[in-house]
């Protein structure tokens, strides 16, 4: 079990570091980049284990505010962390295991999800959207999904 899988299994925890985390252990720095088609840039890889070795408490539990069911492909789950400005986005398997997650310390919570094909748009309460290729968020996604595209969203504390 990788570090990120262990954290996820422990009450839906993610590192409290802006990043893209894959279940297989790969981790990448990320930046919110307004004005780009996706609104997000995936940067250099980093060593999650080394980061947490320096400060094992550098984790946050997350809580869902929106979910989009992908049928047998799993689901997308988005929401907030413990601090008011935290936000997260995750893709899970049908049995709620982590495939990948994005955590942001300064995005505000994500409260709506729209899905069109392999692209999902995640709306932040800070009034911006991120467009993500749900199969691999490192892939540059096209501009945000049309405003009333198919998909799902649910308000309030939503469990995966």
Protein backbone atom coordinates (compact mmCIF):
# COMPACT_ATOMS: atom_id res chain seq x y z
CA UNK A 1 0.00 0.00 0.00
CA UNK A 2 1.44 3.39 -0.98
CA UNK A 3 1.56 6.35 1.38
CA UNK A 4 -1.28 8.13 -0.39
CA UNK A 5 -3.45 4.99 -0.31
CA UNK A 6 -2.79 4.67 3.43
CA UNK A 7 -3.70 8.32 4.03
CA UNK A 8 -6.89 7.98 1.98
CA UNK A 9 -7.89 4.85 3.91
CA UNK A 10 -7.38 6.79 7.18
CA UNK A 11 -10.53 8.90 7.07
CA UNK A 12 -9.96 10.46 3.63
CA UNK A 13 -6.71 12.27 4.34
CA UNK A 14 -4.52 14.03 1.78
CA UNK A 15 -1.18 15.77 2.11
CA UNK A 16 -1.70 19.46 2.99
CA UNK A 17 0.47 20.43 0.03
CA UNK A 18 -0.76 21.65 -3.34
CA UNK A 19 -0.34 18.56 -5.43
CA UNK A 20 -1.60 15.83 -7.69
CA UNK A 21 -1.40 12.43 -6.00
CA UNK A 22 -1.81 9.12 -7.81
CA UNK A 23 -2.65 5.92 -5.94
CA UNK A 24 0.52 4.28 -7.31
CA UNK A 25 2.63 6.80 -5.37
CA UNK A 26 3.47 9.37 -8.05
CA UNK A 27 3.12 12.98 -6.83
CA UNK A 28 3.36 16.30 -8.69
CA UNK A 29 3.38 19.94 -7.67
CA UNK A 30 0.40 21.83 -9.11
CA UNK A 31 -0.59 25.45 -9.52
CA UNK A 32 -3.92 27.10 -10.18
CA UNK A 33 -3.31 29.15 -13.33
CA UNK A 34 -6.18 31.48 -14.22
CA UNK A 35 -6.33 32.34 -17.89
CA UNK A 36 -5.20 28.90 -19.07
CA UNK A 37 -7.78 26.60 -20.69
CA UNK A 38 -7.73 24.12 -17.78
CA UNK A 39 -7.09 26.68 -15.04
CA UNK A 40 -4.48 24.28 -13.69
CA UNK A 41 -0.84 23.49 -14.41
CA UNK A 42 0.84 20.25 -13.34
CA UNK A 43 4.48 20.95 -12.50
CA UNK A 44 7.44 18.84 -11.39
CA UNK A 45 7.18 15.48 -9.62
CA UNK A 46 8.14 15.32 -5.95
CA UNK A 47 8.74 12.64 -3.33
CA UNK A 48 5.71 12.46 -1.03
CA UNK A 49 7.42 10.06 1.37
CA UNK A 50 10.37 12.44 1.80
CA UNK A 51 8.02 15.40 2.33
CA UNK A 52 6.03 13.57 5.02
CA UNK A 53 9.23 12.24 6.64
CA UNK A 54 10.11 15.88 7.40
CA UNK A 55 6.63 16.59 8.84
CA UNK A 56 4.31 13.57 9.23
CA UNK A 57 1.51 15.82 10.48
CA UNK A 58 1.35 17.73 7.16
CA UNK A 59 -1.97 16.07 6.20
CA UNK A 60 -5.60 17.18 6.06
CA UNK A 61 -8.85 15.27 6.23
CA UNK A 62 -11.19 16.19 3.40
CA UNK A 63 -14.97 16.31 3.22
CA UNK A 64 -17.11 16.13 0.10
CA UNK A 65 -19.48 18.78 -1.18
CA UNK A 66 -20.12 17.36 -4.66
CA UNK A 67 -20.09 13.97 -6.35
CA UNK A 68 -20.44 12.80 -9.95
CA UNK A 69 -21.19 9.12 -10.51
CA UNK A 70 -19.28 7.64 -13.46
CA UNK A 71 -21.08 4.29 -13.28
CA UNK A 72 -18.70 1.34 -13.48
CA UNK A 73 -15.84 3.83 -14.03
CA UNK A 74 -16.12 5.02 -10.42
CA UNK A 75 -16.90 8.53 -9.30
CA UNK A 76 -15.56 12.02 -8.92
CA UNK A 77 -15.65 13.58 -5.47
CA UNK A 78 -14.83 17.19 -4.60
CA UNK A 79 -15.03 19.43 -1.58
CA UNK A 80 -13.01 21.00 1.17
CA UNK A 81 -10.32 20.52 3.76
CA UNK A 82 -10.27 21.69 7.37
CA UNK A 83 -9.16 25.24 6.60
CA UNK A 84 -11.55 27.64 4.87
CA UNK A 85 -9.38 28.03 1.79
CA UNK A 86 -8.65 24.31 1.21
CA UNK A 87 -10.18 22.42 -1.68
CA UNK A 88 -9.80 18.99 -3.19
CA UNK A 89 -10.82 16.95 -6.22
CA UNK A 90 -10.57 13.16 -6.43
CA UNK A 91 -11.34 10.29 -8.75
CA UNK A 92 -12.28 7.07 -7.02
CA UNK A 93 -12.98 3.53 -8.13
CA UNK A 94 -16.52 2.16 -7.88
CA UNK A 95 -15.57 0.71 -4.47
CA UNK A 96 -14.27 4.14 -3.30
CA UNK A 97 -10.54 3.51 -3.56
CA UNK A 98 -8.36 6.40 -4.66
CA UNK A 99 -7.22 6.66 -8.29
CA UNK A 100 -5.91 10.23 -8.03
CA UNK A 101 -6.50 13.37 -5.98
CA UNK A 102 -5.70 17.06 -6.28
CA UNK A 103 -5.33 19.17 -3.13
CA UNK A 104 -5.13 22.97 -3.03
CA UNK A 105 -4.44 25.07 0.05
CA UNK A 106 -5.85 28.25 -1.47
CA UNK A 107 -8.65 27.29 -3.87
CA UNK A 108 -11.65 27.37 -1.53
CA UNK A 109 -13.96 24.35 -1.56
CA UNK A 110 -15.18 22.79 -4.79
CA UNK A 111 -18.98 22.56 -4.78
CA UNK A 112 -20.09 21.51 -8.28
CA UNK A 113 -18.94 19.00 -10.89
CA UNK A 114 -19.89 18.79 -14.59
CA UNK A 115 -18.72 15.91 -16.77
CA UNK A 116 -18.53 15.68 -20.55
CA UNK A 117 -16.75 12.63 -21.92
CA UNK A 118 -13.37 12.37 -20.19
CA UNK A 119 -13.32 15.99 -19.02
CA UNK A 120 -14.77 17.26 -15.76
CA UNK A 121 -15.18 20.87 -14.71
CA UNK A 122 -14.95 21.54 -10.99
CA UNK A 123 -16.44 24.79 -9.68
CA UNK A 124 -14.82 26.49 -6.70
CA UNK A 125 -16.71 28.68 -4.25
CA UNK A 126 -14.04 31.26 -5.16
CA UNK A 127 -15.89 31.48 -8.52
CA UNK A 128 -13.42 29.80 -10.88
CA UNK A 129 -13.36 26.40 -12.56
CA UNK A 130 -10.72 23.78 -13.22
CA UNK A 131 -11.08 21.45 -16.21
CA UNK A 132 -9.46 18.07 -15.70
CA UNK A 133 -9.00 14.99 -17.89
CA UNK A 134 -10.47 12.42 -15.52
CA UNK A 135 -8.25 9.61 -16.83
CA UNK A 136 -5.02 11.55 -16.30
CA UNK A 137 -5.07 15.08 -14.84
CA UNK A 138 -1.55 15.66 -16.18
CA UNK A 139 -3.06 15.77 -19.67
CA UNK A 140 -4.01 19.29 -20.68
CA UNK A 141 -7.81 19.35 -20.67
CA UNK A 142 -9.76 21.52 -23.08
CA UNK A 143 -11.61 24.58 -21.76
CA UNK A 144 -14.27 24.02 -19.14
CA UNK A 145 -17.24 21.82 -19.93
CA UNK A 146 -20.31 23.66 -21.20
CA UNK A 147 -22.30 25.28 -18.38
CA UNK A 148 -25.17 22.80 -18.50
CA UNK A 149 -23.26 19.73 -19.62
CA UNK A 150 -24.10 16.26 -18.33
CA UNK A 151 -22.77 15.08 -15.02
CA UNK A 152 -23.67 15.35 -11.40
CA UNK A 153 -23.38 17.57 -8.43
CA UNK A 154 -24.65 17.42 -4.90
CA UNK A 155 -24.58 20.09 -2.20
CA UNK A 156 -23.73 19.67 1.45
CA UNK A 157 -21.54 17.08 3.16
CA UNK A 158 -21.41 14.39 0.50
CA UNK A 159 -19.73 11.05 1.11
CA UNK A 160 -18.14 9.15 -1.74
